[in-house]
């Protein structure tokens, strides 16, 4: 659901207006990035003090520094970045 909403925001230009930079992606849709968060329709990457957190939307898996981690931990690590970066949707 969140990625569907992000897609709507991107199409309406809301992500760009909220400080996200748009850049081309090698496959499909564009990247949107702001600070340590990079969004793509296939998932996201988040640079954290613990390392690089990646989320694959298709397989619903999180990786931290290349190793699969529990979904609960992935959600917990990513929530602050989404809350800060997307607080305008509230």
C-alpha atoms as a PDB file:
ATOM      1  CA  UNK A   1       0.000   0.000   0.000  1.00  0.00           C
ATOM      2  CA  UNK A   2       2.768   2.450   0.913  1.00  0.00           C
ATOM      3  CA  UNK A   3       4.484   1.998  -2.454  1.00  0.00           C
ATOM      4  CA  UNK A   4       1.208   2.570  -4.282  1.00  0.00           C
ATOM      5  CA  UNK A   5       0.785   5.846  -2.375  1.00  0.00           C
ATOM      6  CA  UNK A   6       4.393   6.818  -3.099  1.00  0.00           C
ATOM      7  CA  UNK A   7       3.739   6.167  -6.789  1.00  0.00           C
ATOM      8  CA  UNK A   8       0.748   8.508  -6.711  1.00  0.00           C
ATOM      9  CA  UNK A   9       2.824  11.156  -4.955  1.00  0.00           C
ATOM     10  CA  UNK A  10       5.584  10.785  -7.556  1.00  0.00           C
ATOM     11  CA  UNK A  11       3.158  11.098 -10.493  1.00  0.00           C
ATOM     12  CA  UNK A  12       1.646  14.242  -8.982  1.00  0.00           C
ATOM     13  CA  UNK A  13       5.079  15.775  -8.364  1.00  0.00           C
ATOM     14  CA  UNK A  14       4.695  15.731  -4.584  1.00  0.00           C
ATOM     15  CA  UNK A  15       7.954  13.891  -3.908  1.00  0.00           C
ATOM     16  CA  UNK A  16       9.941  16.470  -5.876  1.00  0.00           C
ATOM     17  CA  UNK A  17       8.154  19.323  -4.109  1.00  0.00           C
ATOM     18  CA  UNK A  18       9.057  17.735  -0.764  1.00  0.00           C
ATOM     19  CA  UNK A  19      12.773  17.711  -1.484  1.00  0.00           C
ATOM     20  CA  UNK A  20      13.249  14.342  -3.183  1.00  0.00           C
ATOM     21  CA  UNK A  21      15.601  14.378  -6.169  1.00  0.00           C
ATOM     22  CA  UNK A  22      14.646  12.330  -9.203  1.00  0.00           C
ATOM     23  CA  UNK A  23      17.207  10.389 -11.225  1.00  0.00           C
ATOM     24  CA  UNK A  24      16.920   7.749 -13.943  1.00  0.00           C
ATOM     25  CA  UNK A  25      17.035   4.089 -12.973  1.00  0.00           C
ATOM     26  CA  UNK A  26      18.505   1.415 -15.247  1.00  0.00           C
ATOM     27  CA  UNK A  27      15.322  -0.664 -15.025  1.00  0.00           C
ATOM     28  CA  UNK A  28      11.881   0.897 -15.207  1.00  0.00           C
ATOM     29  CA  UNK A  29      10.801   3.819 -13.081  1.00  0.00           C
ATOM     30  CA  UNK A  30      13.010   6.531 -11.626  1.00  0.00           C
ATOM     31  CA  UNK A  31      14.826   6.727  -8.320  1.00  0.00           C
ATOM     32  CA  UNK A  32      13.725   9.327  -5.803  1.00  0.00           C
ATOM     33  CA  UNK A  33      16.227  10.133  -3.093  1.00  0.00           C
ATOM     34  CA  UNK A  34      16.381  12.437  -0.122  1.00  0.00           C
ATOM     35  CA  UNK A  35      19.130  12.205   2.448  1.00  0.00           C
ATOM     36  CA  UNK A  36      19.878   8.562   3.243  1.00  0.00           C
ATOM     37  CA  UNK A  37      16.652   7.245   1.642  1.00  0.00           C
ATOM     38  CA  UNK A  38      16.412   6.131  -2.008  1.00  0.00           C
ATOM     39  CA  UNK A  39      13.033   4.988  -3.327  1.00  0.00           C
ATOM     40  CA  UNK A  40      12.199   2.930  -6.400  1.00  0.00           C
ATOM     41  CA  UNK A  41       9.016   1.126  -7.377  1.00  0.00           C
ATOM     42  CA  UNK A  42      10.826  -2.164  -6.669  1.00  0.00           C
ATOM     43  CA  UNK A  43      11.887  -1.241  -3.129  1.00  0.00           C
ATOM     44  CA  UNK A  44      14.162   1.112  -1.259  1.00  0.00           C
ATOM     45  CA  UNK A  45      17.673   1.553   0.073  1.00  0.00           C
ATOM     46  CA  UNK A  46      18.416   3.331   3.328  1.00  0.00           C
ATOM     47  CA  UNK A  47      21.889   4.240   4.584  1.00  0.00           C
ATOM     48  CA  UNK A  48      22.001   3.771   8.365  1.00  0.00           C
ATOM     49  CA  UNK A  49      24.758   3.889  10.999  1.00  0.00           C
ATOM     50  CA  UNK A  50      24.409   0.073  11.110  1.00  0.00           C
ATOM     51  CA  UNK A  51      25.013  -0.132   7.350  1.00  0.00           C
ATOM     52  CA  UNK A  52      22.919  -0.292   4.190  1.00  0.00           C
ATOM     53  CA  UNK A  53      19.334  -1.480   4.572  1.00  0.00           C
ATOM     54  CA  UNK A  54      17.608  -2.702   1.412  1.00  0.00           C
ATOM     55  CA  UNK A  55      14.014  -3.740   0.882  1.00  0.00           C
ATOM     56  CA  UNK A  56      12.757  -5.776  -2.093  1.00  0.00           C
ATOM     57  CA  UNK A  57       9.075  -5.173  -2.642  1.00  0.00           C
ATOM     58  CA  UNK A  58       8.540  -8.213  -4.889  1.00  0.00           C
ATOM     59  CA  UNK A  59      10.036 -10.737  -2.470  1.00  0.00           C
ATOM     60  CA  UNK A  60       9.145  -8.770   0.702  1.00  0.00           C
ATOM     61  CA  UNK A  61      12.626  -9.200   2.168  1.00  0.00           C
ATOM     62  CA  UNK A  62      14.998  -6.888   4.009  1.00  0.00           C
ATOM     63  CA  UNK A  63      18.794  -7.032   3.855  1.00  0.00           C
ATOM     64  CA  UNK A  64      21.217  -5.270   6.146  1.00  0.00           C
ATOM     65  CA  UNK A  65      24.729  -5.152   4.716  1.00  0.00           C
ATOM     66  CA  UNK A  66      23.806  -7.920   2.277  1.00  0.00           C
ATOM     67  CA  UNK A  67      22.377 -10.338   4.855  1.00  0.00           C
ATOM     68  CA  UNK A  68      18.674 -11.144   5.140  1.00  0.00           C
ATOM     69  CA  UNK A  69      17.128  -9.873   8.375  1.00  0.00           C
ATOM     70  CA  UNK A  70      13.722 -10.385   9.996  1.00  0.00           C
ATOM     71  CA  UNK A  71      10.907  -8.252   8.593  1.00  0.00           C
ATOM     72  CA  UNK A  72      10.133  -6.832  12.024  1.00  0.00           C
ATOM     73  CA  UNK A  73      13.700  -5.581  12.355  1.00  0.00           C
ATOM     74  CA  UNK A  74      13.652  -4.177   8.822  1.00  0.00           C
ATOM     75  CA  UNK A  75      10.415  -2.313   9.470  1.00  0.00           C
ATOM     76  CA  UNK A  76      11.748  -0.997  12.790  1.00  0.00           C
ATOM     77  CA  UNK A  77      14.978   0.235  11.182  1.00  0.00           C
ATOM     78  CA  UNK A  78      13.197   1.920   8.265  1.00  0.00           C
ATOM     79  CA  UNK A  79      10.238   3.474  10.080  1.00  0.00           C
ATOM     80  CA  UNK A  80      12.058   6.593  11.375  1.00  0.00           C
ATOM     81  CA  UNK A  81      13.301   7.481   7.871  1.00  0.00           C
ATOM     82  CA  UNK A  82       9.857   7.087   6.337  1.00  0.00           C
ATOM     83  CA  UNK A  83       8.199   9.005   9.169  1.00  0.00           C
ATOM     84  CA  UNK A  84      10.627  11.902   8.698  1.00  0.00           C
ATOM     85  CA  UNK A  85      10.773  11.905   4.896  1.00  0.00           C
ATOM     86  CA  UNK A  86       7.055  11.365   4.337  1.00  0.00           C
ATOM     87  CA  UNK A  87       5.543  13.304   7.228  1.00  0.00           C
ATOM     88  CA  UNK A  88       3.847  15.596   4.701  1.00  0.00           C
ATOM     89  CA  UNK A  89       1.338  12.857   3.806  1.00  0.00           C
ATOM     90  CA  UNK A  90      -0.306  13.047   7.241  1.00  0.00           C
END
